[in-house]
C-alpha atoms as a PDB file:
ATOM      1  CA  UNK A   1      83.048 173.425 270.555  1.00  0.00           C
ATOM      2  CA  UNK A   2      79.320 172.889 270.593  1.00  0.00           C
ATOM      3  CA  UNK A   3      77.648 171.405 273.729  1.00  0.00           C
ATOM      4  CA  UNK A   4      75.139 169.601 271.667  1.00  0.00           C
ATOM      5  CA  UNK A   5      77.323 167.511 269.693  1.00  0.00           C
ATOM      6  CA  UNK A   6      78.490 164.220 271.260  1.00  0.00           C
ATOM      7  CA  UNK A   7      81.595 163.839 269.136  1.00  0.00           C
ATOM      8  CA  UNK A   8      83.791 165.804 266.992  1.00  0.00           C
ATOM      9  CA  UNK A   9      85.087 164.299 263.689  1.00  0.00           C
ATOM     10  CA  UNK A  10      88.964 164.484 263.086  1.00  0.00           C
ATOM     11  CA  UNK A  11      89.309 165.102 259.626  1.00  0.00           C
ATOM     12  CA  UNK A  12      92.848 163.747 258.111  1.00  0.00           C
ATOM     13  CA  UNK A  13      94.314 167.331 258.062  1.00  0.00           C
ATOM     14  CA  UNK A  14      93.739 167.871 261.763  1.00  0.00           C
ATOM     15  CA  UNK A  15      94.450 164.262 262.611  1.00  0.00           C
ATOM     16  CA  UNK A  16      97.782 164.253 260.794  1.00  0.00           C
ATOM     17  CA  UNK A  17      98.524 167.594 262.824  1.00  0.00           C
ATOM     18  CA  UNK A  18      97.625 165.891 266.105  1.00  0.00           C
ATOM     19  CA  UNK A  19      99.552 162.662 265.296  1.00  0.00           C
ATOM     20  CA  UNK A  20     102.909 164.795 264.337  1.00  0.00           C
ATOM     21  CA  UNK A  21     102.546 167.027 267.598  1.00  0.00           C
ATOM     22  CA  UNK A  22     102.676 163.702 269.373  1.00  0.00           C
ATOM     23  CA  UNK A  23     105.631 161.798 267.457  1.00  0.00           C
ATOM     24  CA  UNK A  24     107.651 165.334 267.825  1.00  0.00           C
ATOM     25  CA  UNK A  25     106.737 165.466 271.672  1.00  0.00           C
ATOM     26  CA  UNK A  26     104.379 168.286 271.435  1.00  0.00           C
ATOM     27  CA  UNK A  27     102.208 166.364 273.942  1.00  0.00           C
ATOM     28  CA  UNK A  28     100.594 169.429 275.704  1.00  0.00           C
ATOM     29  CA  UNK A  29      99.080 170.141 272.474  1.00  0.00           C
ATOM     30  CA  UNK A  30      97.455 166.845 272.554  1.00  0.00           C
ATOM     31  CA  UNK A  31      96.494 167.037 276.269  1.00  0.00           C
ATOM     32  CA  UNK A  32      95.116 170.339 275.712  1.00  0.00           C
ATOM     33  CA  UNK A  33      92.747 169.030 273.093  1.00  0.00           C
ATOM     34  CA  UNK A  34      91.227 166.147 275.149  1.00  0.00           C
ATOM     35  CA  UNK A  35      90.940 168.698 278.191  1.00  0.00           C
ATOM     36  CA  UNK A  36      88.304 170.618 276.425  1.00  0.00           C
ATOM     37  CA  UNK A  37      86.113 167.254 276.427  1.00  0.00           C
ATOM     38  CA  UNK A  38      86.601 166.796 272.772  1.00  0.00           C
ATOM     39  CA  UNK A  39      85.611 163.228 272.351  1.00  0.00           C
ATOM     40  CA  UNK A  40      87.241 162.129 269.293  1.00  0.00           C
ATOM     41  CA  UNK A  41      85.823 160.363 266.251  1.00  0.00           C
ATOM     42  CA  UNK A  42      88.185 159.294 263.443  1.00  0.00           C
ATOM     43  CA  UNK A  43      85.673 158.910 260.732  1.00  0.00           C
ATOM     44  CA  UNK A  44      88.061 158.194 257.802  1.00  0.00           C
ATOM     45  CA  UNK A  45      88.996 154.750 256.864  1.00  0.00           C
ATOM     46  CA  UNK A  46      91.732 155.787 254.162  1.00  0.00           C
ATOM     47  CA  UNK A  47      94.647 154.830 256.288  1.00  0.00           C
ATOM     48  CA  UNK A  48      93.217 151.765 258.231  1.00  0.00           C
ATOM     49  CA  UNK A  49      92.767 149.205 255.894  1.00  0.00           C
ATOM     50  CA  UNK A  50      96.057 147.480 255.850  1.00  0.00           C
ATOM     51  CA  UNK A  51      97.422 144.189 256.837  1.00  0.00           C
ATOM     52  CA  UNK A  52      96.348 143.154 260.241  1.00  0.00           C
ATOM     53  CA  UNK A  53      99.609 144.106 262.375  1.00  0.00           C
ATOM     54  CA  UNK A  54      99.641 147.615 260.830  1.00  0.00           C
ATOM     55  CA  UNK A  55      95.807 148.343 261.812  1.00  0.00           C
ATOM     56  CA  UNK A  56      96.100 146.752 265.060  1.00  0.00           C
ATOM     57  CA  UNK A  57      99.140 149.149 266.144  1.00  0.00           C
ATOM     58  CA  UNK A  58      97.216 152.073 264.395  1.00  0.00           C
ATOM     59  CA  UNK A  59      93.941 151.352 266.684  1.00  0.00           C
ATOM     60  CA  UNK A  60      96.198 150.867 269.886  1.00  0.00           C
ATOM     61  CA  UNK A  61      97.916 154.382 269.034  1.00  0.00           C
ATOM     62  CA  UNK A  62      94.493 156.006 268.777  1.00  0.00           C
ATOM     63  CA  UNK A  63      93.126 154.513 271.925  1.00  0.00           C
ATOM     64  CA  UNK A  64      96.136 155.931 273.874  1.00  0.00           C
ATOM     65  CA  UNK A  65      95.698 159.235 272.406  1.00  0.00           C
ATOM     66  CA  UNK A  66      92.025 159.350 273.728  1.00  0.00           C
ATOM     67  CA  UNK A  67      89.935 158.663 270.752  1.00  0.00           C
ATOM     68  CA  UNK A  68      86.535 157.636 271.617  1.00  0.00           C
ATOM     69  CA  UNK A  69      85.523 155.954 268.171  1.00  0.00           C
ATOM     70  CA  UNK A  70      87.969 154.755 265.579  1.00  0.00           C
ATOM     71  CA  UNK A  71      86.805 153.323 262.260  1.00  0.00           C
ATOM     72  CA  UNK A  72      88.597 150.652 260.101  1.00  0.00           C
ATOM     73  CA  UNK A  73      87.149 149.363 256.768  1.00  0.00           C
ATOM     74  CA  UNK A  74      85.246 145.903 257.015  1.00  0.00           C
ATOM     75  CA  UNK A  75      86.633 145.166 253.471  1.00  0.00           C
ATOM     76  CA  UNK A  76      90.042 144.568 255.382  1.00  0.00           C
ATOM     77  CA  UNK A  77      88.363 141.119 256.183  1.00  0.00           C
ATOM     78  CA  UNK A  78      88.066 139.095 259.492  1.00  0.00           C
ATOM     79  CA  UNK A  79      91.639 138.746 260.275  1.00  0.00           C
ATOM     80  CA  UNK A  80      92.134 142.651 260.293  1.00  0.00           C
ATOM     81  CA  UNK A  81      88.873 143.163 262.157  1.00  0.00           C
ATOM     82  CA  UNK A  82      89.840 140.643 265.074  1.00  0.00           C
ATOM     83  CA  UNK A  83      93.534 141.979 265.197  1.00  0.00           C
ATOM     84  CA  UNK A  84      92.172 145.513 265.899  1.00  0.00           C
ATOM     85  CA  UNK A  85      89.839 144.255 268.363  1.00  0.00           C
ATOM     86  CA  UNK A  86      92.659 142.341 270.113  1.00  0.00           C
ATOM     87  CA  UNK A  87      94.890 145.228 269.948  1.00  0.00           C
ATOM     88  CA  UNK A  88      92.460 147.548 271.783  1.00  0.00           C
ATOM     89  CA  UNK A  89      93.768 148.828 275.202  1.00  0.00           C
ATOM     90  CA  UNK A  90      90.749 148.973 278.025  1.00  0.00           C
ATOM     91  CA  UNK A  91      90.686 152.618 277.494  1.00  0.00           C
ATOM     92  CA  UNK A  92      87.417 153.361 276.382  1.00  0.00           C
ATOM     93  CA  UNK A  93      87.895 153.444 272.633  1.00  0.00           C
ATOM     94  CA  UNK A  94      84.976 151.752 270.357  1.00  0.00           C
ATOM     95  CA  UNK A  95      85.947 150.416 267.033  1.00  0.00           C
ATOM     96  CA  UNK A  96      83.539 150.529 264.263  1.00  0.00           C
ATOM     97  CA  UNK A  97      83.736 148.750 260.926  1.00  0.00           C
ATOM     98  CA  UNK A  98      82.892 150.849 257.569  1.00  0.00           C
ATOM     99  CA  UNK A  99      80.596 148.787 255.448  1.00  0.00           C
ATOM    100  CA  UNK A 100      80.176 150.845 252.290  1.00  0.00           C
ATOM    101  CA  UNK A 101      81.233 154.517 251.899  1.00  0.00           C
ATOM    102  CA  UNK A 102      78.070 156.756 251.119  1.00  0.00           C
ATOM    103  CA  UNK A 103      79.511 157.945 248.152  1.00  0.00           C
ATOM    104  CA  UNK A 104      79.207 154.300 246.691  1.00  0.00           C
ATOM    105  CA  UNK A 105      76.419 152.928 244.457  1.00  0.00           C
ATOM    106  CA  UNK A 106      75.764 149.614 242.903  1.00  0.00           C
ATOM    107  CA  UNK A 107      77.782 150.773 239.647  1.00  0.00           C
ATOM    108  CA  UNK A 108      81.010 151.758 242.084  1.00  0.00           C
ATOM    109  CA  UNK A 109      80.859 148.239 243.494  1.00  0.00           C
ATOM    110  CA  UNK A 110      80.959 146.713 240.038  1.00  0.00           C
ATOM    111  CA  UNK A 111      83.887 148.825 239.192  1.00  0.00           C
ATOM    112  CA  UNK A 112      85.793 147.721 242.197  1.00  0.00           C
ATOM    113  CA  UNK A 113      84.915 143.986 241.967  1.00  0.00           C
ATOM    114  CA  UNK A 114      82.372 143.549 244.791  1.00  0.00           C
ATOM    115  CA  UNK A 115      79.532 141.473 243.643  1.00  0.00           C
ATOM    116  CA  UNK A 116      76.184 141.015 245.275  1.00  0.00           C
ATOM    117  CA  UNK A 117      74.853 144.754 245.156  1.00  0.00           C
ATOM    118  CA  UNK A 118      74.751 147.369 248.084  1.00  0.00           C
ATOM    119  CA  UNK A 119      72.258 145.565 250.360  1.00  0.00           C
ATOM    120  CA  UNK A 120      74.047 142.233 250.508  1.00  0.00           C
ATOM    121  CA  UNK A 121      77.408 143.664 250.428  1.00  0.00           C
ATOM    122  CA  UNK A 122      76.287 145.898 253.532  1.00  0.00           C
ATOM    123  CA  UNK A 123      74.734 143.124 255.237  1.00  0.00           C
ATOM    124  CA  UNK A 124      77.554 140.603 255.012  1.00  0.00           C
ATOM    125  CA  UNK A 125      79.935 143.272 256.279  1.00  0.00           C
ATOM    126  CA  UNK A 126      77.923 144.188 259.257  1.00  0.00           C
ATOM    127  CA  UNK A 127      77.512 140.487 260.234  1.00  0.00           C
ATOM    128  CA  UNK A 128      81.376 140.159 259.777  1.00  0.00           C
ATOM    129  CA  UNK A 129      81.951 143.105 262.114  1.00  0.00           C
ATOM    130  CA  UNK A 130      79.618 141.719 264.508  1.00  0.00           C
ATOM    131  CA  UNK A 131      81.405 138.184 264.488  1.00  0.00           C
ATOM    132  CA  UNK A 132      84.730 139.889 264.811  1.00  0.00           C
ATOM    133  CA  UNK A 133      83.877 141.560 268.008  1.00  0.00           C
ATOM    134  CA  UNK A 134      83.624 145.011 266.757  1.00  0.00           C
ATOM    135  CA  UNK A 135      81.393 147.641 268.695  1.00  0.00           C
ATOM    136  CA  UNK A 136      79.615 148.795 265.520  1.00  0.00           C
ATOM    137  CA  UNK A 137      79.546 149.872 261.956  1.00  0.00           C
ATOM    138  CA  UNK A 138      79.300 152.650 259.691  1.00  0.00           C
ATOM    139  CA  UNK A 139      76.458 152.646 257.268  1.00  0.00           C
ATOM    140  CA  UNK A 140      74.096 154.836 255.262  1.00  0.00           C
ATOM    141  CA  UNK A 141      70.516 155.447 256.726  1.00  0.00           C
ATOM    142  CA  UNK A 142      69.596 153.322 253.695  1.00  0.00           C
ATOM    143  CA  UNK A 143      70.897 150.051 255.053  1.00  0.00           C
ATOM    144  CA  UNK A 144      70.071 150.769 259.010  1.00  0.00           C
ATOM    145  CA  UNK A 145      67.045 148.503 258.987  1.00  0.00           C
ATOM    146  CA  UNK A 146      68.420 145.404 257.409  1.00  0.00           C
ATOM    147  CA  UNK A 147      71.546 145.714 259.733  1.00  0.00           C
ATOM    148  CA  UNK A 148      69.340 145.979 262.595  1.00  0.00           C
ATOM    149  CA  UNK A 149      67.110 142.736 261.278  1.00  0.00           C
ATOM    150  CA  UNK A 150      70.709 141.106 260.443  1.00  0.00           C
ATOM    151  CA  UNK A 151      72.778 141.983 263.847  1.00  0.00           C
ATOM    152  CA  UNK A 152      70.386 143.114 266.501  1.00  0.00           C
ATOM    153  CA  UNK A 153      69.842 146.296 268.444  1.00  0.00           C
ATOM    154  CA  UNK A 154      73.265 145.854 270.322  1.00  0.00           C
ATOM    155  CA  UNK A 155      75.382 146.816 267.305  1.00  0.00           C
ATOM    156  CA  UNK A 156      76.003 150.483 267.259  1.00  0.00           C
ATOM    157  CA  UNK A 157      75.261 152.073 263.794  1.00  0.00           C
ATOM    158  CA  UNK A 158      76.799 155.532 263.094  1.00  0.00           C
ATOM    159  CA  UNK A 159      75.487 156.999 259.952  1.00  0.00           C
ATOM    160  CA  UNK A 160      77.275 159.650 257.765  1.00  0.00           C
ATOM    161  CA  UNK A 161      76.144 161.137 254.264  1.00  0.00           C
ATOM    162  CA  UNK A 162      73.635 163.445 256.205  1.00  0.00           C
ATOM    163  CA  UNK A 163      72.375 166.380 254.255  1.00  0.00           C
ATOM    164  CA  UNK A 164      69.606 168.751 255.694  1.00  0.00           C
ATOM    165  CA  UNK A 165      66.329 168.817 254.178  1.00  0.00           C
ATOM    166  CA  UNK A 166      66.391 170.495 250.806  1.00  0.00           C
ATOM    167  CA  UNK A 167      70.309 170.311 250.490  1.00  0.00           C
ATOM    168  CA  UNK A 168      72.140 169.241 247.581  1.00  0.00           C
ATOM    169  CA  UNK A 169      73.513 165.592 248.038  1.00  0.00           C
ATOM    170  CA  UNK A 170      76.907 166.566 246.418  1.00  0.00           C
ATOM    171  CA  UNK A 171      78.925 163.515 246.009  1.00  0.00           C
ATOM    172  CA  UNK A 172      76.656 161.402 248.351  1.00  0.00           C
ATOM    173  CA  UNK A 173      75.081 158.351 246.415  1.00  0.00           C
ATOM    174  CA  UNK A 174      73.024 157.277 249.610  1.00  0.00           C
ATOM    175  CA  UNK A 175      72.334 160.539 251.361  1.00  0.00           C
ATOM    176  CA  UNK A 176      69.570 161.144 253.964  1.00  0.00           C
ATOM    177  CA  UNK A 177      68.224 163.827 256.014  1.00  0.00           C
ATOM    178  CA  UNK A 178      68.805 163.615 259.775  1.00  0.00           C
ATOM    179  CA  UNK A 179      65.203 162.927 260.274  1.00  0.00           C
ATOM    180  CA  UNK A 180      65.276 160.041 257.728  1.00  0.00           C
ATOM    181  CA  UNK A 181      68.597 158.648 259.565  1.00  0.00           C
ATOM    182  CA  UNK A 182      67.115 158.823 262.989  1.00  0.00           C
ATOM    183  CA  UNK A 183      63.710 157.141 261.739  1.00  0.00           C
ATOM    184  CA  UNK A 184      65.684 154.350 260.404  1.00  0.00           C
ATOM    185  CA  UNK A 185      67.320 153.504 263.819  1.00  0.00           C
ATOM    186  CA  UNK A 186      70.716 154.976 263.559  1.00  0.00           C
ATOM    187  CA  UNK A 187      72.529 155.628 266.971  1.00  0.00           C
ATOM    188  CA  UNK A 188      74.723 158.456 265.811  1.00  0.00           C
ATOM    189  CA  UNK A 189      74.886 160.745 262.902  1.00  0.00           C
ATOM    190  CA  UNK A 190      77.989 162.238 261.155  1.00  0.00           C
ATOM    191  CA  UNK A 191      77.606 165.788 259.946  1.00  0.00           C
ATOM    192  CA  UNK A 192      80.548 167.366 258.198  1.00  0.00           C
ATOM    193  CA  UNK A 193      80.441 169.758 255.238  1.00  0.00           C
ATOM    194  CA  UNK A 194      76.829 170.821 255.397  1.00  0.00           C
ATOM    195  CA  UNK A 195      78.247 172.716 258.572  1.00  0.00           C
ATOM    196  CA  UNK A 196      81.918 173.491 257.733  1.00  0.00           C
ATOM    197  CA  UNK A 197      81.194 174.802 254.321  1.00  0.00           C
ATOM    198  CA  UNK A 198      78.194 176.911 255.225  1.00  0.00           C
ATOM    199  CA  UNK A 199      78.226 180.512 255.476  1.00  0.00           C
ATOM    200  CA  UNK A 200      77.460 180.507 259.000  1.00  0.00           C
ATOM    201  CA  UNK A 201      78.377 177.089 260.462  1.00  0.00           C
ATOM    202  CA  UNK A 202      76.745 177.888 263.880  1.00  0.00           C
ATOM    203  CA  UNK A 203      73.416 178.604 262.319  1.00  0.00           C
ATOM    204  CA  UNK A 204      73.818 175.465 260.097  1.00  0.00           C
ATOM    205  CA  UNK A 205      74.254 173.220 263.086  1.00  0.00           C
ATOM    206  CA  UNK A 206      71.431 174.827 264.841  1.00  0.00           C
ATOM    207  CA  UNK A 207      69.078 174.019 261.824  1.00  0.00           C
ATOM    208  CA  UNK A 208      70.449 170.302 261.749  1.00  0.00           C
ATOM    209  CA  UNK A 209      69.847 170.017 265.419  1.00  0.00           C
ATOM    210  CA  UNK A 210      66.130 171.552 265.210  1.00  0.00           C
ATOM    211  CA  UNK A 211      65.740 168.582 262.583  1.00  0.00           C
ATOM    212  CA  UNK A 212      66.654 166.013 264.667  1.00  0.00           C
ATOM    213  CA  UNK A 213      64.766 167.248 267.569  1.00  0.00           C
ATOM    214  CA  UNK A 214      61.727 167.530 265.365  1.00  0.00           C
ATOM    215  CA  UNK A 215      62.276 164.003 264.217  1.00  0.00           C
ATOM    216  CA  UNK A 216      62.300 162.596 268.086  1.00  0.00           C
ATOM    217  CA  UNK A 217      58.864 164.209 269.009  1.00  0.00           C
END
């Protein structure tokens, strides 16, 4: 656990293990994890776009586990977002609405029947999240400025799709460097594969931290 990372994202493999341990009564595993000051971030919306009642229950369970940030997809609509906000215990968990995945582009939106283009779609979902009482949104660095213009500075913006300078974008259609994301106004950066797939993950993390520090000068 690196002290210079504010949150650690739970991929679904680890998340499923934690939830299974909780269900099976192995609660010491869950308590031990939180005792390491592991501020958890559920970064994937895959399971959390469903009917309002199911999502509300999932959010409440995550909060009781001690999750710090939880994401649900803005495409679930106002009723789902408001149900999640209403179900959240007063335990410090903050809710984020996914706008559009950073692996999506305009062609992807056309394929799934979302009209208006990327910029308009992200703006619309960010406004919906704010109106529903969400704490923030997840969006690429390419849309941070328009979210700030539409929603103000109080809405958290968490930015995935981060790739170090010179790295391949891979499956990311709207990737950005750490410096570019911070310059755009992102509050938090989500960095996964550039670190965990590196030959030396610690060195890769150090390089990203240096990029962020240089961007802040």
